[in-house]
Amino acid sequence: MADLIDELRRYEPHMEVRLAIQPRMPQEHTVGAIAEADGIVWIGEAGQQGYAPDEVAERLGWR
């Protein structure tokens, strides 16, 4: 979890956070509830917002 926190600290605190999934057709999802179970922290998604821009796929190394 420290790795995720360190990565997020590079950005301004007021910025929105989205999850990008499916490398072939990147979808944009909002972050939902966060919970712990069996020693793992889970980040839930709160719904698809649409498709992520091509720039997102490029910066994630998916294209």
N, C-alpha and C. Protein backbone atom coordinates (compact mmCIF):
# COMPACT_ATOMS: atom_id res chain seq x y z
N MET A 1 0.82 -1.18 0.00
CA MET A 1 0.00 0.00 0.00
C MET A 1 0.87 1.25 0.00
N ALA A 2 2.04 1.18 0.59
CA ALA A 2 2.93 2.35 0.61
C ALA A 2 3.28 2.79 -0.81
N ASP A 3 3.40 1.83 -1.74
CA ASP A 3 3.72 2.18 -3.13
C ASP A 3 2.61 3.03 -3.74
N LEU A 4 1.36 2.65 -3.50
CA LEU A 4 0.23 3.42 -4.03
C LEU A 4 0.21 4.82 -3.43
N ILE A 5 0.40 4.91 -2.13
CA ILE A 5 0.40 6.22 -1.46
C ILE A 5 1.53 7.09 -2.01
N ASP A 6 2.71 6.52 -2.18
CA ASP A 6 3.84 7.29 -2.72
C ASP A 6 3.54 7.78 -4.13
N GLU A 7 2.94 6.95 -4.97
CA GLU A 7 2.60 7.36 -6.33
C GLU A 7 1.58 8.50 -6.31
N LEU A 8 0.57 8.40 -5.47
CA LEU A 8 -0.47 9.43 -5.43
C LEU A 8 0.05 10.75 -4.89
N ARG A 9 1.07 10.74 -4.08
CA ARG A 9 1.63 11.98 -3.51
C ARG A 9 2.27 12.87 -4.58
N ARG A 10 2.54 12.32 -5.75
CA ARG A 10 3.14 13.12 -6.83
C ARG A 10 2.16 14.12 -7.42
N TYR A 11 0.87 13.96 -7.12
CA TYR A 11 -0.17 14.77 -7.74
C TYR A 11 -0.81 15.70 -6.71
N GLU A 12 -1.45 16.75 -7.22
CA GLU A 12 -2.13 17.71 -6.35
C GLU A 12 -3.29 17.02 -5.63
N PRO A 13 -3.50 17.30 -4.34
CA PRO A 13 -4.53 16.62 -3.56
C PRO A 13 -5.95 16.85 -4.07
N HIS A 14 -6.21 17.94 -4.78
CA HIS A 14 -7.56 18.25 -5.25
C HIS A 14 -7.94 17.50 -6.53
N MET A 15 -6.99 16.80 -7.16
CA MET A 15 -7.27 16.11 -8.42
C MET A 15 -8.20 14.92 -8.20
N GLU A 16 -9.05 14.65 -9.21
CA GLU A 16 -9.92 13.49 -9.17
C GLU A 16 -9.11 12.23 -9.45
N VAL A 17 -9.57 11.11 -8.94
CA VAL A 17 -8.91 9.82 -9.17
C VAL A 17 -9.86 8.94 -9.95
N ARG A 18 -9.36 8.28 -11.00
CA ARG A 18 -10.14 7.35 -11.80
C ARG A 18 -9.35 6.06 -11.95
N LEU A 19 -10.06 4.97 -12.16
CA LEU A 19 -9.44 3.69 -12.46
C LEU A 19 -9.55 3.47 -13.96
N ALA A 20 -8.47 3.07 -14.60
CA ALA A 20 -8.49 2.71 -16.01
C ALA A 20 -8.37 1.19 -16.09
N ILE A 21 -9.30 0.56 -16.79
CA ILE A 21 -9.27 -0.89 -16.92
C ILE A 21 -9.44 -1.27 -18.38
N GLN A 22 -9.13 -2.49 -18.72
CA GLN A 22 -9.26 -3.06 -20.05
C GLN A 22 -8.35 -2.37 -21.06
N PRO A 23 -7.11 -2.79 -21.17
CA PRO A 23 -6.15 -2.15 -22.07
C PRO A 23 -6.60 -2.01 -23.53
N ARG A 24 -7.37 -2.94 -24.05
CA ARG A 24 -7.76 -2.85 -25.47
C ARG A 24 -8.77 -1.74 -25.73
N MET A 25 -9.67 -1.52 -24.80
CA MET A 25 -10.65 -0.43 -24.88
C MET A 25 -10.73 0.21 -23.50
N PRO A 26 -9.76 1.05 -23.15
CA PRO A 26 -9.67 1.58 -21.79
C PRO A 26 -10.96 2.27 -21.33
N GLN A 27 -11.49 1.78 -20.25
CA GLN A 27 -12.68 2.36 -19.66
C GLN A 27 -12.28 3.17 -18.44
N GLU A 28 -13.07 4.20 -18.17
CA GLU A 28 -12.83 5.09 -17.04
C GLU A 28 -13.88 4.79 -15.97
N HIS A 29 -13.41 4.44 -14.77
CA HIS A 29 -14.29 4.14 -13.65
C HIS A 29 -13.96 5.04 -12.47
N THR A 30 -14.98 5.42 -11.72
CA THR A 30 -14.74 6.21 -10.51
C THR A 30 -14.37 5.26 -9.37
N VAL A 31 -13.63 5.79 -8.40
CA VAL A 31 -13.22 5.03 -7.24
C VAL A 31 -14.37 5.02 -6.24
N GLY A 32 -14.67 3.84 -5.72
CA GLY A 32 -15.76 3.70 -4.76
C GLY A 32 -15.23 3.47 -3.35
N ALA A 33 -15.92 2.61 -2.65
CA ALA A 33 -15.55 2.31 -1.26
C ALA A 33 -14.20 1.60 -1.20
N ILE A 34 -13.51 1.77 -0.10
CA ILE A 34 -12.24 1.10 0.16
C ILE A 34 -12.42 0.30 1.44
N ALA A 35 -12.00 -0.97 1.40
CA ALA A 35 -12.21 -1.85 2.54
C ALA A 35 -11.04 -2.81 2.69
N GLU A 36 -10.94 -3.42 3.85
CA GLU A 36 -9.91 -4.42 4.13
C GLU A 36 -10.59 -5.75 4.42
N ALA A 37 -10.04 -6.80 3.85
CA ALA A 37 -10.52 -8.16 4.13
C ALA A 37 -9.35 -9.12 3.97
N ASP A 38 -9.15 -9.97 4.94
CA ASP A 38 -8.08 -10.97 4.90
C ASP A 38 -6.71 -10.38 4.67
N GLY A 39 -6.45 -9.21 5.24
CA GLY A 39 -5.13 -8.59 5.11
C GLY A 39 -4.88 -7.91 3.78
N ILE A 40 -5.91 -7.72 2.97
CA ILE A 40 -5.77 -7.05 1.67
C ILE A 40 -6.67 -5.83 1.67
N VAL A 41 -6.16 -4.71 1.14
CA VAL A 41 -6.97 -3.51 0.98
C VAL A 41 -7.57 -3.54 -0.42
N TRP A 42 -8.89 -3.42 -0.49
CA TRP A 42 -9.61 -3.48 -1.76
C TRP A 42 -10.15 -2.09 -2.11
N ILE A 43 -9.98 -1.71 -3.37
CA ILE A 43 -10.53 -0.46 -3.88
C ILE A 43 -11.70 -0.82 -4.78
N GLY A 44 -12.88 -0.44 -4.36
CA GLY A 44 -14.06 -0.72 -5.16
C GLY A 44 -14.26 0.33 -6.24
N GLU A 45 -14.99 -0.04 -7.28
CA GLU A 45 -15.29 0.94 -8.31
C GLU A 45 -16.74 1.38 -8.14
N ALA A 46 -17.01 2.63 -8.52
CA ALA A 46 -18.33 3.20 -8.29
C ALA A 46 -19.06 3.51 -9.59
N GLY A 47 -18.66 2.87 -10.66
CA GLY A 47 -19.38 3.04 -11.92
C GLY A 47 -18.49 3.51 -13.06
N GLN A 48 -18.87 3.10 -14.25
CA GLN A 48 -18.13 3.51 -15.45
C GLN A 48 -18.56 4.91 -15.85
N GLN A 49 -17.59 5.74 -16.18
CA GLN A 49 -17.85 7.11 -16.61
C GLN A 49 -17.78 7.26 -18.12
N GLY A 50 -17.26 6.28 -18.80
CA GLY A 50 -17.07 6.35 -20.24
C GLY A 50 -15.77 5.65 -20.59
N TYR A 51 -15.18 6.09 -21.68
CA TYR A 51 -13.90 5.51 -22.11
C TYR A 51 -12.79 6.51 -21.88
N ALA A 52 -11.65 6.00 -21.45
CA ALA A 52 -10.50 6.86 -21.19
C ALA A 52 -9.91 7.36 -22.50
N PRO A 53 -9.36 8.57 -22.52
CA PRO A 53 -8.73 9.09 -23.73
C PRO A 53 -7.52 8.25 -24.14
N ASP A 54 -7.18 8.29 -25.42
CA ASP A 54 -6.02 7.54 -25.93
C ASP A 54 -4.75 7.88 -25.16
N GLU A 55 -4.62 9.12 -24.73
CA GLU A 55 -3.44 9.55 -23.99
C GLU A 55 -3.26 8.72 -22.71
N VAL A 56 -4.35 8.35 -22.06
CA VAL A 56 -4.27 7.54 -20.84
C VAL A 56 -3.65 6.19 -21.15
N ALA A 57 -4.13 5.53 -22.20
CA ALA A 57 -3.59 4.22 -22.58
C ALA A 57 -2.10 4.33 -22.92
N GLU A 58 -1.72 5.39 -23.60
CA GLU A 58 -0.31 5.59 -23.95
C GLU A 58 0.55 5.77 -22.70
N ARG A 59 0.10 6.60 -21.77
CA ARG A 59 0.88 6.86 -20.56
C ARG A 59 0.95 5.67 -19.62
N LEU A 60 -0.07 4.79 -19.70
CA LEU A 60 -0.04 3.55 -18.91
C LEU A 60 0.77 2.45 -19.60
N GLY A 61 1.25 2.73 -20.81
CA GLY A 61 2.05 1.74 -21.53
C GLY A 61 1.22 0.66 -22.20
N TRP A 62 -0.07 0.94 -22.45
CA TRP A 62 -0.96 -0.03 -23.05
C TRP A 62 -0.95 0.06 -24.58
N ARG A 63 -0.39 1.12 -25.14
CA ARG A 63 -0.32 1.28 -26.60
C ARG A 63 1.04 1.73 -27.01
